[in-house]
C-alpha atoms as a PDB file:
ATOM      1  CA  MET A   1      34.297  45.243 185.244  1.00  0.00           C
ATOM      2  CA  TRP A   2      31.806  47.943 184.283  1.00  0.00           C
ATOM      3  CA  VAL A   3      33.380  50.277 186.852  1.00  0.00           C
ATOM      4  CA  THR A   4      36.830  49.768 185.293  1.00  0.00           C
ATOM      5  CA  GLN A   5      35.464  50.444 181.820  1.00  0.00           C
ATOM      6  CA  THR A   6      33.760  53.633 183.003  1.00  0.00           C
ATOM      7  CA  VAL A   7      36.933  54.848 184.706  1.00  0.00           C
ATOM      8  CA  LEU A   8      39.044  54.135 181.616  1.00  0.00           C
ATOM      9  CA  LYS A   9      36.572  55.935 179.357  1.00  0.00           C
ATOM     10  CA  ASN A  10      36.616  58.964 181.646  1.00  0.00           C
ATOM     11  CA  GLN A  11      40.417  58.984 181.871  1.00  0.00           C
ATOM     12  CA  ASN A  12      40.739  58.900 178.100  1.00  0.00           C
ATOM     13  CA  LYS A  13      38.279  61.781 177.695  1.00  0.00           C
ATOM     14  CA  GLY A  14      40.057  63.850 180.299  1.00  0.00           C
ATOM     15  CA  THR A  15      36.803  64.418 182.171  1.00  0.00           C
ATOM     16  CA  LEU A  16      36.368  64.088 185.893  1.00  0.00           C
ATOM     17  CA  MET A  17      35.325  60.667 187.109  1.00  0.00           C
ATOM     18  CA  SER A  18      32.194  60.567 189.214  1.00  0.00           C
ATOM     19  CA  VAL A  19      29.545  58.153 190.411  1.00  0.00           C
ATOM     20  CA  ASP A  20      25.857  58.771 190.888  1.00  0.00           C
ATOM     21  CA  GLN A  21      23.450  57.181 193.339  1.00  0.00           C
ATOM     22  CA  ASP A  22      22.489  54.427 190.902  1.00  0.00           C
ATOM     23  CA  THR A  23      26.150  53.473 190.529  1.00  0.00           C
ATOM     24  CA  VAL A  24      26.578  53.404 194.311  1.00  0.00           C
ATOM     25  CA  ARG A  25      23.495  51.190 194.567  1.00  0.00           C
ATOM     26  CA  ARG A  26      24.966  48.769 191.996  1.00  0.00           C
ATOM     27  CA  ILE A  27      28.366  48.724 193.720  1.00  0.00           C
ATOM     28  CA  ALA A  28      26.678  47.996 197.058  1.00  0.00           C
ATOM     29  CA  ARG A  29      24.659  45.174 195.508  1.00  0.00           C
ATOM     30  CA  LEU A  30      27.765  43.651 193.917  1.00  0.00           C
ATOM     31  CA  ALA A  31      29.651  43.922 197.215  1.00  0.00           C
ATOM     32  CA  ARG A  32      26.628  42.527 199.044  1.00  0.00           C
ATOM     33  CA  ILE A  33      26.499  45.544 201.336  1.00  0.00           C
ATOM     34  CA  ALA A  34      23.137  46.693 202.675  1.00  0.00           C
ATOM     35  CA  VAL A  35      22.793  50.398 201.932  1.00  0.00           C
ATOM     36  CA  ARG A  36      19.637  52.353 202.672  1.00  0.00           C
ATOM     37  CA  ASP A  37      18.408  54.882 200.126  1.00  0.00           C
ATOM     38  CA  ASP A  38      19.023  57.754 202.544  1.00  0.00           C
ATOM     39  CA  GLU A  39      22.728  56.730 202.732  1.00  0.00           C
ATOM     40  CA  LEU A  40      23.279  56.833 198.956  1.00  0.00           C
ATOM     41  CA  PRO A  41      24.004  60.569 198.586  1.00  0.00           C
ATOM     42  CA  ALA A  42      26.667  60.531 201.315  1.00  0.00           C
ATOM     43  CA  LEU A  43      28.316  57.409 199.887  1.00  0.00           C
ATOM     44  CA  ALA A  44      28.281  58.887 196.387  1.00  0.00           C
ATOM     45  CA  GLY A  45      30.005  61.972 197.770  1.00  0.00           C
ATOM     46  CA  GLU A  46      32.657  59.889 199.538  1.00  0.00           C
ATOM     47  CA  LEU A  47      33.336  57.787 196.447  1.00  0.00           C
ATOM     48  CA  ASN A  48      33.565  60.911 194.294  1.00  0.00           C
ATOM     49  CA  SER A  49      36.086  62.401 196.745  1.00  0.00           C
ATOM     50  CA  ILE A  50      38.190  59.241 196.456  1.00  0.00           C
ATOM     51  CA  LEU A  51      37.987  59.282 192.656  1.00  0.00           C
ATOM     52  CA  HIS A  52      38.992  62.948 192.532  1.00  0.00           C
ATOM     53  CA  PHE A  53      41.979  62.211 194.758  1.00  0.00           C
ATOM     54  CA  VAL A  54      43.006  59.379 192.416  1.00  0.00           C
ATOM     55  CA  GLU A  55      42.743  61.811 189.510  1.00  0.00           C
ATOM     56  CA  GLN A  56      45.122  64.158 191.324  1.00  0.00           C
ATOM     57  CA  LEU A  57      47.560  61.283 191.851  1.00  0.00           C
ATOM     58  CA  ASN A  58      47.373  60.458 188.137  1.00  0.00           C
ATOM     59  CA  GLU A  59      48.652  63.968 187.369  1.00  0.00           C
ATOM     60  CA  VAL A  60      51.935  63.342 189.205  1.00  0.00           C
ATOM     61  CA  ASP A  61      54.879  62.689 186.871  1.00  0.00           C
ATOM     62  CA  THR A  62      56.433  59.409 188.023  1.00  0.00           C
ATOM     63  CA  LYS A  63      58.721  58.799 185.063  1.00  0.00           C
ATOM     64  CA  GLY A  64      62.149  57.772 186.288  1.00  0.00           C
ATOM     65  CA  VAL A  65      60.921  56.977 189.811  1.00  0.00           C
ATOM     66  CA  GLU A  66      61.959  53.507 190.898  1.00  0.00           C
ATOM     67  CA  PRO A  67      59.286  51.355 192.555  1.00  0.00           C
ATOM     68  CA  MET A  68      59.855  51.007 196.271  1.00  0.00           C
ATOM     69  CA  THR A  69      58.414  49.207 199.271  1.00  0.00           C
ATOM     70  CA  SER A  70      59.111  52.001 201.743  1.00  0.00           C
ATOM     71  CA  ALA A  71      59.490  55.761 201.670  1.00  0.00           C
ATOM     72  CA  VAL A  72      62.734  55.335 203.607  1.00  0.00           C
ATOM     73  CA  ASP A  73      65.677  53.400 202.201  1.00  0.00           C
ATOM     74  CA  VAL A  74      65.983  50.494 204.630  1.00  0.00           C
ATOM     75  CA  THR A  75      67.367  46.995 204.439  1.00  0.00           C
ATOM     76  CA  MET A  76      65.234  44.175 205.740  1.00  0.00           C
ATOM     77  CA  LYS A  77      66.662  42.497 208.793  1.00  0.00           C
ATOM     78  CA  MET A  78      67.159  38.821 208.166  1.00  0.00           C
ATOM     79  CA  ARG A  79      67.627  36.108 210.728  1.00  0.00           C
ATOM     80  CA  ASP A  80      69.623  32.950 210.223  1.00  0.00           C
ATOM     81  CA  ASP A  81      67.567  30.135 208.805  1.00  0.00           C
ATOM     82  CA  VAL A  82      68.176  27.522 211.463  1.00  0.00           C
ATOM     83  CA  VAL A  83      66.210  24.511 212.559  1.00  0.00           C
ATOM     84  CA  THR A  84      64.374  25.083 215.826  1.00  0.00           C
ATOM     85  CA  SER A  85      62.566  22.670 218.083  1.00  0.00           C
ATOM     86  CA  GLY A  86      59.768  20.853 216.361  1.00  0.00           C
ATOM     87  CA  ASN A  87      57.162  18.218 217.088  1.00  0.00           C
ATOM     88  CA  LEU A  88      54.985  20.673 219.007  1.00  0.00           C
ATOM     89  CA  GLN A  89      51.633  19.307 217.871  1.00  0.00           C
ATOM     90  CA  LYS A  90      50.192  19.131 221.380  1.00  0.00           C
ATOM     91  CA  GLU A  91      51.191  22.717 222.189  1.00  0.00           C
ATOM     92  CA  VAL A  92      50.036  24.059 218.819  1.00  0.00           C
ATOM     93  CA  THR A  93      46.628  22.359 218.935  1.00  0.00           C
ATOM     94  CA  ALA A  94      46.054  22.962 222.671  1.00  0.00           C
ATOM     95  CA  ASN A  95      43.861  26.034 222.055  1.00  0.00           C
ATOM     96  CA  ALA A  96      41.876  24.468 219.234  1.00  0.00           C
ATOM     97  CA  PRO A  97      38.218  23.766 219.977  1.00  0.00           C
ATOM     98  CA  LYS A  98      38.775  20.225 218.708  1.00  0.00           C
ATOM     99  CA  SER A  99      41.827  18.295 217.562  1.00  0.00           C
ATOM    100  CA  GLU A 100      42.595  14.697 216.765  1.00  0.00           C
ATOM    101  CA  ASP A 101      45.951  12.959 216.323  1.00  0.00           C
ATOM    102  CA  GLY A 102      47.780  16.320 216.290  1.00  0.00           C
ATOM    103  CA  PHE A 103      45.522  17.868 213.625  1.00  0.00           C
ATOM    104  CA  TYR A 104      42.782  20.476 213.822  1.00  0.00           C
ATOM    105  CA  VAL A 105      39.256  19.126 213.411  1.00  0.00           C
ATOM    106  CA  VAL A 106      37.007  21.515 211.514  1.00  0.00           C
ATOM    107  CA  PRO A 107      33.405  21.239 210.330  1.00  0.00           C
ATOM    108  CA  ARG A 108      32.890  19.887 206.843  1.00  0.00           C
ATOM    109  CA  VAL A 109      32.112  22.694 204.399  1.00  0.00           C
ATOM    110  CA  VAL A 110      31.853  20.723 201.166  1.00  0.00           C
ATOM    111  CA  GLU A 111      29.669  17.660 200.892  1.00  0.00           C
END
């Protein structure tokens, strides 16, 4: 959340967004990524490059541009919704490490 607030403050001021090594360290800790101190300057540079690119994208006038899912106007191919063969429990669970009565058996994760 603090990153979002910082970005919004910087956008409203019209100043360039940037991160320092302390910010990179905090982001890495929050993401649970091990980052050595000697890697911080390079990561800060990469993140700053990304933020500067986003700033360039924010300058593009997109008023009147319809949202789209593809850069090319295409229609999704649809197949007929028909019932196919079913009752394939043995085939579906054949590659499972363990199955029982047509169901996958997995280790308990909540006790």
